[in-house]
Amino acid sequence: MHIDEDTCEWLGCPTPLEMYKHQCALLEDELTDTHELLRTARRNVAGLVQMNDELSTGKTQAEEALRVALDEIRELKEKCSEPAILSIKLVAEQRDHLLRENQRLLAEIQNTRKLPVHDC
């Protein structure tokens, strides 16, 4: 800081010591503000680290649930394979055939009872 020697004695002009003290006070205020910003940033970082840990835990749980679901789907696909479906269809067809045959026989029995009996 350069001070004009001719004007340093004027009334109301700060002395070099006063200017240095004022500059120090400004730097101290700036340093205090910087410390507060640093504390806030550290709290933010700690919060982000905690959130990251929670997300990692959730991701791990979701991946495990997905693996279990994929295993279950694979097992169900194996159980419902083509031969299994064909055997179920075959049984269903046999059931339907027997149901129709039973209905036919039942109708035949009812028709024979309705016929009048003729004595000869």
C-alpha atoms as a PDB file:
ATOM      1  CA  MET A   1       0.000   0.000   0.000  1.00  0.00           C
ATOM      2  CA  HIS A   2       1.532   3.316  -1.101  1.00  0.00           C
ATOM      3  CA  ILE A   3       0.572   6.546   0.684  1.00  0.00           C
ATOM      4  CA  ASP A   4       1.229   9.966  -0.716  1.00  0.00           C
ATOM      5  CA  GLU A   5       3.470  11.644   1.834  1.00  0.00           C
ATOM      6  CA  ASP A   6       2.081  15.089   1.069  1.00  0.00           C
ATOM      7  CA  THR A   7      -1.473  14.203   2.042  1.00  0.00           C
ATOM      8  CA  CYS A   8      -0.881  11.846   4.954  1.00  0.00           C
ATOM      9  CA  GLU A   9      -1.161  14.685   7.479  1.00  0.00           C
ATOM     10  CA  TRP A  10      -4.572  15.905   6.347  1.00  0.00           C
ATOM     11  CA  LEU A  11      -7.374  15.898   8.855  1.00  0.00           C
ATOM     12  CA  GLY A  12      -9.509  12.793   8.698  1.00  0.00           C
ATOM     13  CA  CYS A  13      -7.075  10.730   6.665  1.00  0.00           C
ATOM     14  CA  PRO A  14      -6.263   7.410   8.301  1.00  0.00           C
ATOM     15  CA  THR A  15      -2.724   6.678   9.310  1.00  0.00           C
ATOM     16  CA  PRO A  16      -0.952   3.709   7.760  1.00  0.00           C
ATOM     17  CA  LEU A  17      -1.432   1.759  11.024  1.00  0.00           C
ATOM     18  CA  GLU A  18      -5.203   2.456  10.963  1.00  0.00           C
ATOM     19  CA  MET A  19      -5.388   1.323   7.332  1.00  0.00           C
ATOM     20  CA  TYR A  20      -3.513  -1.882   8.182  1.00  0.00           C
ATOM     21  CA  LYS A  21      -5.841  -2.535  11.127  1.00  0.00           C
ATOM     22  CA  HIS A  22      -8.880  -1.945   8.915  1.00  0.00           C
ATOM     23  CA  GLN A  23      -7.474  -4.311   6.283  1.00  0.00           C
ATOM     24  CA  CYS A  24      -6.859  -6.920   8.988  1.00  0.00           C
ATOM     25  CA  ALA A  25     -10.436  -6.549  10.235  1.00  0.00           C
ATOM     26  CA  LEU A  26     -11.741  -7.050   6.685  1.00  0.00           C
ATOM     27  CA  LEU A  27      -9.550 -10.149   6.264  1.00  0.00           C
ATOM     28  CA  GLU A  28     -10.727 -11.512   9.633  1.00  0.00           C
ATOM     29  CA  ASP A  29     -14.379 -11.079   8.581  1.00  0.00           C
ATOM     30  CA  GLU A  30     -13.647 -12.780   5.288  1.00  0.00           C
ATOM     31  CA  LEU A  31     -11.884 -15.618   7.109  1.00  0.00           C
ATOM     32  CA  THR A  32     -14.843 -16.032   9.512  1.00  0.00           C
ATOM     33  CA  ASP A  33     -17.255 -16.189   6.554  1.00  0.00           C
ATOM     34  CA  THR A  34     -14.993 -18.709   4.822  1.00  0.00           C
ATOM     35  CA  HIS A  35     -14.899 -20.893   7.944  1.00  0.00           C
ATOM     36  CA  GLU A  36     -18.713 -20.845   8.128  1.00  0.00           C
ATOM     37  CA  LEU A  37     -18.944 -21.790   4.451  1.00  0.00           C
ATOM     38  CA  LEU A  38     -16.439 -24.587   5.053  1.00  0.00           C
ATOM     39  CA  ARG A  39     -18.490 -25.938   7.996  1.00  0.00           C
ATOM     40  CA  THR A  40     -21.640 -25.837   5.859  1.00  0.00           C
ATOM     41  CA  ALA A  41     -19.860 -27.594   2.996  1.00  0.00           C
ATOM     42  CA  ARG A  42     -18.583 -30.302   5.384  1.00  0.00           C
ATOM     43  CA  ARG A  43     -22.146 -30.859   6.706  1.00  0.00           C
ATOM     44  CA  ASN A  44     -23.386 -31.086   3.123  1.00  0.00           C
ATOM     45  CA  VAL A  45     -20.674 -33.583   2.218  1.00  0.00           C
ATOM     46  CA  ALA A  46     -21.490 -35.674   5.301  1.00  0.00           C
ATOM     47  CA  GLY A  47     -25.168 -35.663   4.298  1.00  0.00           C
ATOM     48  CA  LEU A  48     -24.282 -36.679   0.752  1.00  0.00           C
ATOM     49  CA  VAL A  49     -22.100 -39.507   2.029  1.00  0.00           C
ATOM     50  CA  GLN A  50     -24.975 -40.753   4.211  1.00  0.00           C
ATOM     51  CA  MET A  51     -27.409 -40.520   1.292  1.00  0.00           C
ATOM     52  CA  ASN A  52     -24.961 -42.421  -0.901  1.00  0.00           C
ATOM     53  CA  ASP A  53     -24.690 -45.173   1.713  1.00  0.00           C
ATOM     54  CA  GLU A  54     -28.488 -45.438   1.915  1.00  0.00           C
ATOM     55  CA  LEU A  55     -28.756 -45.569  -1.874  1.00  0.00           C
ATOM     56  CA  SER A  56     -26.068 -48.230  -2.064  1.00  0.00           C
ATOM     57  CA  THR A  57     -27.910 -50.312   0.523  1.00  0.00           C
ATOM     58  CA  GLY A  58     -31.195 -49.856  -1.357  1.00  0.00           C
ATOM     59  CA  LYS A  59     -29.513 -50.753  -4.639  1.00  0.00           C
ATOM     60  CA  THR A  60     -28.082 -53.920  -3.120  1.00  0.00           C
ATOM     61  CA  GLN A  61     -31.512 -54.907  -1.773  1.00  0.00           C
ATOM     62  CA  ALA A  62     -33.159 -54.173  -5.127  1.00  0.00           C
ATOM     63  CA  GLU A  63     -30.548 -56.227  -6.973  1.00  0.00           C
ATOM     64  CA  GLU A  64     -31.114 -59.144  -4.590  1.00  0.00           C
ATOM     65  CA  ALA A  65     -34.896 -58.912  -5.050  1.00  0.00           C
ATOM     66  CA  LEU A  66     -34.398 -58.807  -8.822  1.00  0.00           C
ATOM     67  CA  ARG A  67     -32.162 -61.879  -8.696  1.00  0.00           C
ATOM     68  CA  VAL A  68     -34.770 -63.773  -6.651  1.00  0.00           C
ATOM     69  CA  ALA A  69     -37.538 -62.723  -9.042  1.00  0.00           C
ATOM     70  CA  LEU A  70     -35.508 -63.758 -12.082  1.00  0.00           C
ATOM     71  CA  ASP A  71     -34.805 -67.145 -10.491  1.00  0.00           C
ATOM     72  CA  GLU A  72     -38.517 -67.597  -9.798  1.00  0.00           C
ATOM     73  CA  ILE A  73     -39.389 -66.654 -13.382  1.00  0.00           C
ATOM     74  CA  ARG A  74     -36.831 -69.134 -14.687  1.00  0.00           C
ATOM     75  CA  GLU A  75     -38.289 -71.896 -12.505  1.00  0.00           C
ATOM     76  CA  LEU A  76     -41.835 -71.082 -13.635  1.00  0.00           C
ATOM     77  CA  LYS A  77     -40.746 -71.148 -17.264  1.00  0.00           C
ATOM     78  CA  GLU A  78     -39.269 -74.588 -16.728  1.00  0.00           C
ATOM     79  CA  LYS A  79     -42.465 -75.820 -15.058  1.00  0.00           C
ATOM     80  CA  CYS A  80     -44.633 -74.391 -17.809  1.00  0.00           C
ATOM     81  CA  SER A  81     -42.530 -75.719 -20.637  1.00  0.00           C
ATOM     82  CA  GLU A  82     -44.064 -77.078 -23.836  1.00  0.00           C
ATOM     83  CA  PRO A  83     -44.359 -80.725 -22.689  1.00  0.00           C
ATOM     84  CA  ALA A  84     -46.089 -79.678 -19.474  1.00  0.00           C
ATOM     85  CA  ILE A  85     -48.598 -77.545 -21.346  1.00  0.00           C
ATOM     86  CA  LEU A  86     -49.220 -80.316 -23.883  1.00  0.00           C
ATOM     87  CA  SER A  87     -49.923 -82.851 -21.125  1.00  0.00           C
ATOM     88  CA  ILE A  88     -52.383 -80.412 -19.492  1.00  0.00           C
ATOM     89  CA  LYS A  89     -54.100 -79.897 -22.857  1.00  0.00           C
ATOM     90  CA  LEU A  90     -54.332 -83.671 -23.351  1.00  0.00           C
ATOM     91  CA  VAL A  91     -55.953 -84.146 -19.942  1.00  0.00           C
ATOM     92  CA  ALA A  92     -58.368 -81.276 -20.669  1.00  0.00           C
ATOM     93  CA  GLU A  93     -59.336 -82.843 -24.000  1.00  0.00           C
ATOM     94  CA  GLN A  94     -59.934 -86.210 -22.325  1.00  0.00           C
ATOM     95  CA  ARG A  95     -62.083 -84.536 -19.682  1.00  0.00           C
ATOM     96  CA  ASP A  96     -64.126 -82.720 -22.315  1.00  0.00           C
ATOM     97  CA  HIS A  97     -64.601 -85.962 -24.279  1.00  0.00           C
ATOM     98  CA  LEU A  98     -65.760 -87.821 -21.176  1.00  0.00           C
ATOM     99  CA  LEU A  99     -68.120 -84.980 -20.275  1.00  0.00           C
ATOM    100  CA  ARG A 100     -69.687 -85.031 -23.746  1.00  0.00           C
ATOM    101  CA  GLU A 101     -69.974 -88.833 -23.655  1.00  0.00           C
ATOM    102  CA  ASN A 102     -71.634 -88.705 -20.237  1.00  0.00           C
ATOM    103  CA  GLN A 103     -74.079 -86.075 -21.471  1.00  0.00           C
ATOM    104  CA  ARG A 104     -74.883 -88.218 -24.526  1.00  0.00           C
ATOM    105  CA  LEU A 105     -75.438 -91.322 -22.394  1.00  0.00           C
ATOM    106  CA  LEU A 106     -77.592 -89.387 -19.938  1.00  0.00           C
ATOM    107  CA  ALA A 107     -79.737 -88.058 -22.775  1.00  0.00           C
ATOM    108  CA  GLU A 108     -80.014 -91.588 -24.210  1.00  0.00           C
ATOM    109  CA  ILE A 109     -81.165 -92.987 -20.859  1.00  0.00           C
ATOM    110  CA  GLN A 110     -83.745 -90.228 -20.463  1.00  0.00           C
ATOM    111  CA  ASN A 111     -85.063 -90.871 -23.981  1.00  0.00           C
ATOM    112  CA  THR A 112     -85.466 -94.603 -23.320  1.00  0.00           C
ATOM    113  CA  ARG A 113     -87.523 -93.906 -20.197  1.00  0.00           C
ATOM    114  CA  LYS A 114     -89.845 -91.601 -22.095  1.00  0.00           C
ATOM    115  CA  LEU A 115     -90.675 -94.165 -24.750  1.00  0.00           C
ATOM    116  CA  PRO A 116     -94.049 -95.812 -24.156  1.00  0.00           C
ATOM    117  CA  VAL A 117     -93.953 -99.458 -23.399  1.00  0.00           C
ATOM    118  CA  HIS A 118     -96.228-101.528 -25.734  1.00  0.00           C
ATOM    119  CA  ASP A 119     -97.440-104.867 -24.640  1.00  0.00           C
ATOM    120  CA  CYS A 120     -97.798-107.350 -27.378  1.00  0.00           C
END
